[in-house]
Amino acid sequence: MEEDSWPDADGDGWGDATATAVRGCSPPAGHVANTEDCDDGAAAVGPDAPETCNGIDDDCDGDVDEGLLLPRTAPRRRASRPDRRC
């Protein structure tokens, strides 16, 4: 049975949804049977990647730096001052 596959340029196991699918009995070299990679030029980015405070959507969920706090570089001066989000 033939199935579609998509390029995986960064080799992280997640395919590029913006690329043209290839149809065949099995994915050719450099292709995978999914389209879940939101940045196929960065192997550290994919649905199973942890979100980090870096201004990009590391885990491909459509949100950037969700739920992360900025690291503190100076001691807190007021106890009532909330932590800042990324």
C-alpha atoms as a PDB file:
ATOM      1  CA  MET A   1       0.000   0.000   0.000  1.00  0.00           C
ATOM      2  CA  GLU A   2       1.435   3.371  -0.987  1.00  0.00           C
ATOM      3  CA  GLU A   3       1.676   6.175   1.550  1.00  0.00           C
ATOM      4  CA  ASP A   4       2.837   9.777   1.546  1.00  0.00           C
ATOM      5  CA  SER A   5       6.090  10.831   3.200  1.00  0.00           C
ATOM      6  CA  TRP A   6       7.745  14.211   3.652  1.00  0.00           C
ATOM      7  CA  PRO A   7      11.346  15.415   3.773  1.00  0.00           C
ATOM      8  CA  ASP A   8      13.122  15.447   7.129  1.00  0.00           C
ATOM      9  CA  ALA A   9      16.030  17.772   6.319  1.00  0.00           C
ATOM     10  CA  ASP A  10      17.291  18.046   9.899  1.00  0.00           C
ATOM     11  CA  GLY A  11      17.081  14.303  10.639  1.00  0.00           C
ATOM     12  CA  ASP A  12      15.010  14.639  13.813  1.00  0.00           C
ATOM     13  CA  GLY A  13      12.286  12.203  12.739  1.00  0.00           C
ATOM     14  CA  TRP A  14       9.673  14.885  12.054  1.00  0.00           C
ATOM     15  CA  GLY A  15       8.606  15.791   8.499  1.00  0.00           C
ATOM     16  CA  ASP A  16       8.242  19.204   6.882  1.00  0.00           C
ATOM     17  CA  ALA A  17       4.536  19.938   6.304  1.00  0.00           C
ATOM     18  CA  THR A  18       5.384  22.774   3.910  1.00  0.00           C
ATOM     19  CA  ALA A  19       7.234  20.431   1.521  1.00  0.00           C
ATOM     20  CA  THR A  20       5.778  18.342  -1.282  1.00  0.00           C
ATOM     21  CA  ALA A  21       4.894  14.790  -0.273  1.00  0.00           C
ATOM     22  CA  VAL A  22       6.470  11.770  -1.949  1.00  0.00           C
ATOM     23  CA  ARG A  23       4.227   8.741  -2.514  1.00  0.00           C
ATOM     24  CA  GLY A  24       5.589   5.205  -2.262  1.00  0.00           C
ATOM     25  CA  CYS A  25       5.519   1.885  -0.436  1.00  0.00           C
ATOM     26  CA  SER A  26       7.895   3.192   2.221  1.00  0.00           C
ATOM     27  CA  PRO A  27       9.547   6.549   2.913  1.00  0.00           C
ATOM     28  CA  PRO A  28      12.757   7.051   0.896  1.00  0.00           C
ATOM     29  CA  ALA A  29      15.966   8.045   2.668  1.00  0.00           C
ATOM     30  CA  GLY A  30      15.619  11.443   4.316  1.00  0.00           C
ATOM     31  CA  HIS A  31      11.814  11.228   4.449  1.00  0.00           C
ATOM     32  CA  VAL A  32       9.320  10.350   7.198  1.00  0.00           C
ATOM     33  CA  ALA A  33       5.611   9.537   7.294  1.00  0.00           C
ATOM     34  CA  ASN A  34       4.540  12.575   9.355  1.00  0.00           C
ATOM     35  CA  THR A  35       4.287  16.356   8.947  1.00  0.00           C
ATOM     36  CA  GLU A  36       4.744  17.528  12.516  1.00  0.00           C
ATOM     37  CA  ASP A  37       8.003  19.535  12.261  1.00  0.00           C
ATOM     38  CA  CYS A  38       7.504  23.298  12.525  1.00  0.00           C
ATOM     39  CA  ASP A  39      11.188  24.061  11.687  1.00  0.00           C
ATOM     40  CA  ASP A  40      12.833  21.418   9.518  1.00  0.00           C
ATOM     41  CA  GLY A  41      16.104  23.324   9.598  1.00  0.00           C
ATOM     42  CA  ALA A  42      16.621  22.824  13.349  1.00  0.00           C
ATOM     43  CA  ALA A  43      16.928  19.299  14.780  1.00  0.00           C
ATOM     44  CA  ALA A  44      16.363  20.633  18.323  1.00  0.00           C
ATOM     45  CA  VAL A  45      12.852  21.783  17.321  1.00  0.00           C
ATOM     46  CA  GLY A  46      10.016  19.254  17.107  1.00  0.00           C
ATOM     47  CA  PRO A  47       6.896  17.995  18.889  1.00  0.00           C
ATOM     48  CA  ASP A  48       8.948  16.078  21.473  1.00  0.00           C
ATOM     49  CA  ALA A  49      11.386  18.936  22.208  1.00  0.00           C
ATOM     50  CA  PRO A  50      11.277  20.774  25.527  1.00  0.00           C
ATOM     51  CA  GLU A  51      10.207  24.413  25.378  1.00  0.00           C
ATOM     52  CA  THR A  52      13.081  26.739  26.262  1.00  0.00           C
ATOM     53  CA  CYS A  53      13.199  30.496  26.833  1.00  0.00           C
ATOM     54  CA  ASN A  54      14.559  31.503  23.425  1.00  0.00           C
ATOM     55  CA  GLY A  55      11.793  33.289  21.512  1.00  0.00           C
ATOM     56  CA  ILE A  56      10.872  30.321  19.274  1.00  0.00           C
ATOM     57  CA  ASP A  57       8.261  27.552  19.354  1.00  0.00           C
ATOM     58  CA  ASP A  58      10.569  24.647  20.291  1.00  0.00           C
ATOM     59  CA  ASP A  59       7.814  22.039  20.725  1.00  0.00           C
ATOM     60  CA  CYS A  60       5.722  22.948  17.638  1.00  0.00           C
ATOM     61  CA  ASP A  61       2.514  23.562  19.595  1.00  0.00           C
ATOM     62  CA  GLY A  62       1.934  27.051  18.176  1.00  0.00           C
ATOM     63  CA  ASP A  63       2.998  28.865  21.362  1.00  0.00           C
ATOM     64  CA  VAL A  64       6.357  30.528  22.006  1.00  0.00           C
ATOM     65  CA  ASP A  65       8.047  30.103  25.405  1.00  0.00           C
ATOM     66  CA  GLU A  66       4.751  29.219  27.108  1.00  0.00           C
ATOM     67  CA  GLY A  67       4.857  28.779  30.870  1.00  0.00           C
ATOM     68  CA  LEU A  68       8.525  29.694  31.218  1.00  0.00           C
ATOM     69  CA  LEU A  69      10.016  32.256  33.570  1.00  0.00           C
ATOM     70  CA  LEU A  70      13.005  34.425  32.769  1.00  0.00           C
ATOM     71  CA  PRO A  71      16.089  33.497  34.777  1.00  0.00           C
ATOM     72  CA  ARG A  72      16.911  35.911  37.580  1.00  0.00           C
ATOM     73  CA  THR A  73      20.188  37.782  37.223  1.00  0.00           C
ATOM     74  CA  ALA A  74      19.801  39.904  40.372  1.00  0.00           C
ATOM     75  CA  PRO A  75      18.242  39.270  43.773  1.00  0.00           C
ATOM     76  CA  ARG A  76      14.590  40.165  44.156  1.00  0.00           C
ATOM     77  CA  ARG A  77      14.222  43.517  45.916  1.00  0.00           C
ATOM     78  CA  ARG A  78      10.545  43.264  46.762  1.00  0.00           C
ATOM     79  CA  ALA A  79       8.813  40.066  47.777  1.00  0.00           C
ATOM     80  CA  SER A  80       5.655  41.213  45.992  1.00  0.00           C
ATOM     81  CA  ARG A  81       7.389  41.567  42.608  1.00  0.00           C
ATOM     82  CA  PRO A  82       6.268  38.675  40.381  1.00  0.00           C
ATOM     83  CA  ASP A  83       8.645  36.652  38.234  1.00  0.00           C
ATOM     84  CA  ARG A  84       8.727  37.777  34.614  1.00  0.00           C
ATOM     85  CA  ARG A  85       7.601  35.456  31.856  1.00  0.00           C
ATOM     86  CA  CYS A  86       9.743  34.786  28.814  1.00  0.00           C
END
